[in-house]
Amino acid sequence: NGVDTALFHPPVDRDAARVALGVTRPLLISVGLLIERKGHDRTIEAMTKLPEFELIIVGEGPERDRLNALIARLGLRDRVRLVGARPHAELPSLYGAADASVLSSSREGWANVLLESMACGTPVVASPIWGNPEVVRAPEAGVITLENSPGGIVEGVRRLFADMPTREATRAYAEAFSWDATTAGQLALFRQVIA
């Protein structure tokens, strides 16, 4: 898979993007449908051990009420927000406002949200499921958690922030997955097979 690096790019004014969200702490973002498979509950539970962070979850789905109840039960309403579905064109600003993106899915194919986040200069903390290690192959991309659990997410966030890549390095890593780069790779493969 590739990412549209013309659409997904670091925001021109990252501070303005953060102000628009009312962010006052380091920000984590999770983007995906509010369904069980996406594991948003694990990320929310991890926030109890990450008191210096805020979290926004972008997406809509049948798990909304259950996730809202979990946020309330854990006393996280001041730091964890479900912001609903957002137009695709708004995602770069949201990714760019965040310090890291968290994907705690129990299964994915090739998660485009990882590439979208990295193209915006935002490194990722991703679950150790099939596909994710193929996307997150270098420190500038982010980290793969040791386990897909709230504790694993906490460990992954702490590990990433202990050795945070520059936003420029994360963006440069993502450029290798641009539509132009992935198309060139496919053409080279087809030429090799045909030969």
C-alpha atoms as a PDB file:
ATOM      1  CA  ASN A   1       0.000   0.000   0.000  1.00  0.00           C
ATOM      2  CA  GLY A   2       0.965   3.595  -0.475  1.00  0.00           C
ATOM      3  CA  VAL A   3      -0.011   6.922   1.023  1.00  0.00           C
ATOM      4  CA  ASP A   4      -0.999  10.157  -0.686  1.00  0.00           C
ATOM      5  CA  THR A   5       1.888  12.303   0.528  1.00  0.00           C
ATOM      6  CA  ALA A   6       0.381  15.364  -1.187  1.00  0.00           C
ATOM      7  CA  LEU A   7      -2.695  15.143   1.072  1.00  0.00           C
ATOM      8  CA  PHE A   8      -1.001  13.727   4.167  1.00  0.00           C
ATOM      9  CA  HIS A   9       1.798  16.090   5.150  1.00  0.00           C
ATOM     10  CA  PRO A  10       2.879  17.959   8.285  1.00  0.00           C
ATOM     11  CA  PRO A  11       0.646  20.940   9.074  1.00  0.00           C
ATOM     12  CA  VAL A  12       1.898  24.372   8.063  1.00  0.00           C
ATOM     13  CA  ASP A  13       1.160  25.611  11.607  1.00  0.00           C
ATOM     14  CA  ARG A  14       1.274  22.766  14.115  1.00  0.00           C
ATOM     15  CA  ASP A  15       0.738  25.104  17.076  1.00  0.00           C
ATOM     16  CA  ALA A  16      -2.495  26.388  15.523  1.00  0.00           C
ATOM     17  CA  ALA A  17      -3.697  22.810  14.978  1.00  0.00           C
ATOM     18  CA  ARG A  18      -3.062  22.053  18.660  1.00  0.00           C
ATOM     19  CA  VAL A  19      -4.802  25.254  19.812  1.00  0.00           C
ATOM     20  CA  ALA A  20      -7.830  24.377  17.642  1.00  0.00           C
ATOM     21  CA  LEU A  21      -8.098  21.083  19.561  1.00  0.00           C
ATOM     22  CA  GLY A  22      -7.591  22.728  22.946  1.00  0.00           C
ATOM     23  CA  VAL A  23      -4.528  20.554  23.600  1.00  0.00           C
ATOM     24  CA  THR A  24      -2.427  21.382  26.661  1.00  0.00           C
ATOM     25  CA  ARG A  25      -0.388  18.163  27.075  1.00  0.00           C
ATOM     26  CA  PRO A  26       1.455  15.724  24.816  1.00  0.00           C
ATOM     27  CA  LEU A  27      -1.227  14.323  22.501  1.00  0.00           C
ATOM     28  CA  LEU A  28      -1.875  10.778  21.354  1.00  0.00           C
ATOM     29  CA  ILE A  29      -4.319  10.069  18.532  1.00  0.00           C
ATOM     30  CA  SER A  30      -6.113   6.903  17.437  1.00  0.00           C
ATOM     31  CA  VAL A  31      -7.975   6.858  14.141  1.00  0.00           C
ATOM     32  CA  GLY A  32     -10.411   4.102  13.205  1.00  0.00           C
ATOM     33  CA  LEU A  33     -13.924   2.794  13.397  1.00  0.00           C
ATOM     34  CA  LEU A  34     -15.302   2.410  16.902  1.00  0.00           C
ATOM     35  CA  ILE A  35     -15.506  -1.366  16.680  1.00  0.00           C
ATOM     36  CA  GLU A  36     -14.137  -4.040  19.004  1.00  0.00           C
ATOM     37  CA  ARG A  37     -11.401  -5.165  16.585  1.00  0.00           C
ATOM     38  CA  LYS A  38      -9.750  -1.716  16.718  1.00  0.00           C
ATOM     39  CA  GLY A  39      -8.977  -2.117  20.443  1.00  0.00           C
ATOM     40  CA  HIS A  40      -9.744   1.470  21.447  1.00  0.00           C
ATOM     41  CA  ASP A  41     -10.640   0.141  24.910  1.00  0.00           C
ATOM     42  CA  ARG A  42      -7.023  -0.978  25.374  1.00  0.00           C
ATOM     43  CA  THR A  43      -5.734   2.477  24.474  1.00  0.00           C
ATOM     44  CA  ILE A  44      -8.227   4.139  26.825  1.00  0.00           C
ATOM     45  CA  GLU A  45      -7.218   1.811  29.676  1.00  0.00           C
ATOM     46  CA  ALA A  46      -3.545   2.583  28.981  1.00  0.00           C
ATOM     47  CA  MET A  47      -4.291   6.252  29.640  1.00  0.00           C
ATOM     48  CA  THR A  48      -4.728   5.502  33.344  1.00  0.00           C
ATOM     49  CA  LYS A  49      -0.931   4.891  33.413  1.00  0.00           C
ATOM     50  CA  LEU A  50      -0.087   7.832  31.139  1.00  0.00           C
ATOM     51  CA  PRO A  51      -1.320  10.771  33.247  1.00  0.00           C
ATOM     52  CA  GLU A  52       0.720  13.401  31.394  1.00  0.00           C
ATOM     53  CA  PHE A  53      -0.920  12.611  28.018  1.00  0.00           C
ATOM     54  CA  GLU A  54      -4.177  13.476  26.290  1.00  0.00           C
ATOM     55  CA  LEU A  55      -5.876  11.157  23.779  1.00  0.00           C
ATOM     56  CA  ILE A  56      -8.296  11.867  20.973  1.00  0.00           C
ATOM     57  CA  ILE A  57     -10.027   9.049  19.139  1.00  0.00           C
ATOM     58  CA  VAL A  58     -11.254   9.876  15.641  1.00  0.00           C
ATOM     59  CA  GLY A  59     -13.995   7.651  14.274  1.00  0.00           C
ATOM     60  CA  GLU A  60     -17.557   6.516  14.717  1.00  0.00           C
ATOM     61  CA  GLY A  61     -19.205   3.175  15.285  1.00  0.00           C
ATOM     62  CA  PRO A  62     -21.267   0.852  17.465  1.00  0.00           C
ATOM     63  CA  GLU A  63     -18.754   0.877  20.359  1.00  0.00           C
ATOM     64  CA  ARG A  64     -19.205   4.622  21.044  1.00  0.00           C
ATOM     65  CA  ASP A  65     -21.483   4.256  24.076  1.00  0.00           C
ATOM     66  CA  ARG A  66     -19.363   1.503  25.624  1.00  0.00           C
ATOM     67  CA  LEU A  67     -16.153   3.514  25.114  1.00  0.00           C
ATOM     68  CA  ASN A  68     -17.746   6.660  26.554  1.00  0.00           C
ATOM     69  CA  ALA A  69     -18.829   4.660  29.594  1.00  0.00           C
ATOM     70  CA  LEU A  70     -15.292   3.289  29.997  1.00  0.00           C
ATOM     71  CA  ILE A  71     -13.823   6.801  29.806  1.00  0.00           C
ATOM     72  CA  ALA A  72     -16.253   7.970  32.505  1.00  0.00           C
ATOM     73  CA  ARG A  73     -15.689   4.915  34.741  1.00  0.00           C
ATOM     74  CA  LEU A  74     -11.907   5.384  34.607  1.00  0.00           C
ATOM     75  CA  GLY A  75     -12.202   9.117  35.349  1.00  0.00           C
ATOM     76  CA  LEU A  76     -10.549  10.158  32.086  1.00  0.00           C
ATOM     77  CA  ARG A  77     -13.058  12.662  30.684  1.00  0.00           C
ATOM     78  CA  ASP A  78     -10.584  15.540  31.090  1.00  0.00           C
ATOM     79  CA  ARG A  79      -7.904  13.773  28.997  1.00  0.00           C
ATOM     80  CA  VAL A  80      -9.644  11.364  26.605  1.00  0.00           C
ATOM     81  CA  ARG A  81     -12.101  12.506  23.931  1.00  0.00           C
ATOM     82  CA  LEU A  82     -14.075  10.746  21.231  1.00  0.00           C
ATOM     83  CA  VAL A  83     -14.244  13.387  18.508  1.00  0.00           C
ATOM     84  CA  GLY A  84     -16.376  11.407  16.064  1.00  0.00           C
ATOM     85  CA  ALA A  85     -15.831  10.868  12.363  1.00  0.00           C
ATOM     86  CA  ARG A  86     -14.002  13.633  10.550  1.00  0.00           C
ATOM     87  CA  PRO A  87     -13.733  14.374   6.822  1.00  0.00           C
ATOM     88  CA  HIS A  88     -10.660  12.819   5.218  1.00  0.00           C
ATOM     89  CA  ALA A  89      -9.294  16.296   4.448  1.00  0.00           C
ATOM     90  CA  GLU A  90      -9.189  17.127   8.193  1.00  0.00           C
ATOM     91  CA  LEU A  91      -7.098  14.096   9.146  1.00  0.00           C
ATOM     92  CA  PRO A  92      -3.687  15.616   8.274  1.00  0.00           C
ATOM     93  CA  SER A  93      -4.259  18.474  10.721  1.00  0.00           C
ATOM     94  CA  LEU A  94      -5.353  16.034  13.436  1.00  0.00           C
ATOM     95  CA  TYR A  95      -2.384  13.710  12.880  1.00  0.00           C
ATOM     96  CA  GLY A  96      -0.074  16.713  12.731  1.00  0.00           C
ATOM     97  CA  ALA A  97      -1.339  18.101  16.035  1.00  0.00           C
ATOM     98  CA  ALA A  98      -0.569  14.806  17.769  1.00  0.00           C
ATOM     99  CA  ASP A  99       2.788  13.759  19.153  1.00  0.00           C
ATOM    100  CA  ALA A 100       2.182  10.067  18.396  1.00  0.00           C
ATOM    101  CA  SER A 101      -0.466   7.854  16.857  1.00  0.00           C
ATOM    102  CA  VAL A 102      -1.622   4.645  18.561  1.00  0.00           C
ATOM    103  CA  LEU A 103      -3.010   1.599  16.720  1.00  0.00           C
ATOM    104  CA  SER A 104      -4.071  -1.191  19.077  1.00  0.00           C
ATOM    105  CA  SER A 105      -6.051  -3.335  16.625  1.00  0.00           C
ATOM    106  CA  SER A 106      -6.266  -7.080  17.111  1.00  0.00           C
ATOM    107  CA  ARG A 107      -6.032  -7.610  13.330  1.00  0.00           C
ATOM    108  CA  GLU A 108      -5.510  -5.511  10.220  1.00  0.00           C
ATOM    109  CA  GLY A 109      -4.317  -6.002   6.700  1.00  0.00           C
ATOM    110  CA  TRP A 110      -1.871  -3.206   5.975  1.00  0.00           C
ATOM    111  CA  ALA A 111      -3.069  -0.339   8.161  1.00  0.00           C
ATOM    112  CA  ASN A 112      -3.087   2.836   6.085  1.00  0.00           C
ATOM    113  CA  VAL A 113      -3.559   4.928   9.238  1.00  0.00           C
ATOM    114  CA  LEU A 114       0.066   4.144  10.112  1.00  0.00           C
ATOM    115  CA  LEU A 115       1.341   5.561   6.820  1.00  0.00           C
ATOM    116  CA  GLU A 116      -1.036   8.535   7.003  1.00  0.00           C
ATOM    117  CA  SER A 117       0.235   9.418  10.471  1.00  0.00           C
ATOM    118  CA  MET A 118       3.896   9.058   9.506  1.00  0.00           C
ATOM    119  CA  ALA A 119       3.379  11.147   6.355  1.00  0.00           C
ATOM    120  CA  CYS A 120       2.183  13.924   8.675  1.00  0.00           C
ATOM    121  CA  GLY A 121       5.413  13.609  10.657  1.00  0.00           C
ATOM    122  CA  THR A 122       3.766  11.762  13.544  1.00  0.00           C
ATOM    123  CA  PRO A 123       5.406   8.484  14.648  1.00  0.00           C
ATOM    124  CA  VAL A 124       3.304   5.502  15.686  1.00  0.00           C
ATOM    125  CA  VAL A 125       2.866   3.013  18.508  1.00  0.00           C
ATOM    126  CA  ALA A 126       1.403  -0.088  16.852  1.00  0.00           C
ATOM    127  CA  SER A 127       0.263  -3.489  18.089  1.00  0.00           C
ATOM    128  CA  PRO A 128       2.428  -6.520  17.221  1.00  0.00           C
ATOM    129  CA  ILE A 129      -0.100  -8.011  14.804  1.00  0.00           C
ATOM    130  CA  TRP A 130       0.506  -9.245  11.268  1.00  0.00           C
ATOM    131  CA  GLY A 131       1.289  -6.403   8.884  1.00  0.00           C
ATOM    132  CA  ASN A 132       2.324  -3.735  11.386  1.00  0.00           C
ATOM    133  CA  PRO A 133       5.999  -4.788  11.640  1.00  0.00           C
ATOM    134  CA  GLU A 134       6.180  -4.567   7.830  1.00  0.00           C
ATOM    135  CA  VAL A 135       5.130  -0.909   8.013  1.00  0.00           C
ATOM    136  CA  VAL A 136       7.046   0.082  11.169  1.00  0.00           C
ATOM    137  CA  ARG A 137      10.560  -1.127  10.298  1.00  0.00           C
ATOM    138  CA  ALA A 138      12.756   1.653  11.660  1.00  0.00           C
ATOM    139  CA  PRO A 139      12.940   3.857  14.764  1.00  0.00           C
ATOM    140  CA  GLU A 140      11.928   6.952  12.796  1.00  0.00           C
ATOM    141  CA  ALA A 141       8.591   5.272  12.014  1.00  0.00           C
ATOM    142  CA  GLY A 142       7.769   4.522  15.643  1.00  0.00           C
ATOM    143  CA  VAL A 143       7.586   1.346  17.707  1.00  0.00           C
ATOM    144  CA  ILE A 144       5.802  -1.992  17.764  1.00  0.00           C
ATOM    145  CA  THR A 145       4.478  -2.836  21.208  1.00  0.00           C
ATOM    146  CA  LEU A 146       5.729  -5.982  22.918  1.00  0.00           C
ATOM    147  CA  GLU A 147       2.147  -7.104  23.540  1.00  0.00           C
ATOM    148  CA  ASN A 148      -1.299  -5.878  22.545  1.00  0.00           C
ATOM    149  CA  SER A 149      -2.561  -4.885  25.981  1.00  0.00           C
ATOM    150  CA  PRO A 150      -2.980  -1.667  27.964  1.00  0.00           C
ATOM    151  CA  GLY A 151       0.373  -2.379  29.615  1.00  0.00           C
ATOM    152  CA  GLY A 152       1.981  -3.022  26.241  1.00  0.00           C
ATOM    153  CA  ILE A 153       0.676   0.310  24.937  1.00  0.00           C
ATOM    154  CA  VAL A 154       2.045   2.127  28.006  1.00  0.00           C
ATOM    155  CA  GLU A 155       5.443   0.482  27.477  1.00  0.00           C
ATOM    156  CA  GLY A 156       5.389   1.354  23.769  1.00  0.00           C
ATOM    157  CA  VAL A 157       4.501   4.996  24.384  1.00  0.00           C
ATOM    158  CA  ARG A 158       7.226   5.303  27.040  1.00  0.00           C
ATOM    159  CA  ARG A 159       9.789   3.668  24.726  1.00  0.00           C
ATOM    160  CA  LEU A 160       8.870   5.956  21.816  1.00  0.00           C
ATOM    161  CA  PHE A 161       9.009   9.130  23.903  1.00  0.00           C
ATOM    162  CA  ALA A 162      12.348   8.105  25.422  1.00  0.00           C
ATOM    163  CA  ASP A 163      13.898   8.218  21.946  1.00  0.00           C
ATOM    164  CA  MET A 164      11.501  10.307  19.875  1.00  0.00           C
ATOM    165  CA  PRO A 165      12.422  10.686  16.198  1.00  0.00           C
ATOM    166  CA  THR A 166      12.229  14.107  14.606  1.00  0.00           C
ATOM    167  CA  ARG A 167       9.061  14.853  12.695  1.00  0.00           C
ATOM    168  CA  GLU A 168      11.210  15.378   9.595  1.00  0.00           C
ATOM    169  CA  ALA A 169      12.719  11.888   9.916  1.00  0.00           C
ATOM    170  CA  THR A 170       9.267  10.343  10.310  1.00  0.00           C
ATOM    171  CA  ARG A 171       7.992  12.173   7.231  1.00  0.00           C
ATOM    172  CA  ALA A 172      11.068  11.104   5.231  1.00  0.00           C
ATOM    173  CA  TYR A 173      10.442   7.465   6.210  1.00  0.00           C
ATOM    174  CA  ALA A 174       6.838   7.715   4.971  1.00  0.00           C
ATOM    175  CA  GLU A 175       7.922   9.182   1.637  1.00  0.00           C
ATOM    176  CA  ALA A 176       9.306   5.752   0.708  1.00  0.00           C
ATOM    177  CA  PHE A 177       5.639   4.621   0.733  1.00  0.00           C
ATOM    178  CA  SER A 178       4.303   7.455  -1.433  1.00  0.00           C
ATOM    179  CA  TRP A 179       2.030   6.501  -4.296  1.00  0.00           C
ATOM    180  CA  ASP A 180       4.842   7.281  -6.742  1.00  0.00           C
ATOM    181  CA  ALA A 181       7.347   5.120  -4.825  1.00  0.00           C
ATOM    182  CA  THR A 182       4.980   2.167  -4.407  1.00  0.00           C
ATOM    183  CA  THR A 183       3.918   2.349  -8.053  1.00  0.00           C
ATOM    184  CA  ALA A 184       7.565   2.326  -9.142  1.00  0.00           C
ATOM    185  CA  GLY A 185       8.175  -0.703  -6.914  1.00  0.00           C
ATOM    186  CA  GLN A 186       5.231  -2.571  -8.428  1.00  0.00           C
ATOM    187  CA  LEU A 187       6.371  -1.777 -11.957  1.00  0.00           C
ATOM    188  CA  ALA A 188       9.887  -2.994 -11.158  1.00  0.00           C
ATOM    189  CA  LEU A 189       8.449  -6.241  -9.773  1.00  0.00           C
ATOM    190  CA  PHE A 190       6.265  -6.771 -12.843  1.00  0.00           C
ATOM    191  CA  ARG A 191       9.246  -6.121 -15.158  1.00  0.00           C
ATOM    192  CA  GLN A 192      11.295  -8.686 -13.220  1.00  0.00           C
ATOM    193  CA  VAL A 193       8.524 -11.289 -13.438  1.00  0.00           C
ATOM    194  CA  ILE A 194       7.965 -10.669 -17.158  1.00  0.00           C
ATOM    195  CA  ALA A 195      11.701 -10.941 -17.866  1.00  0.00           C
END
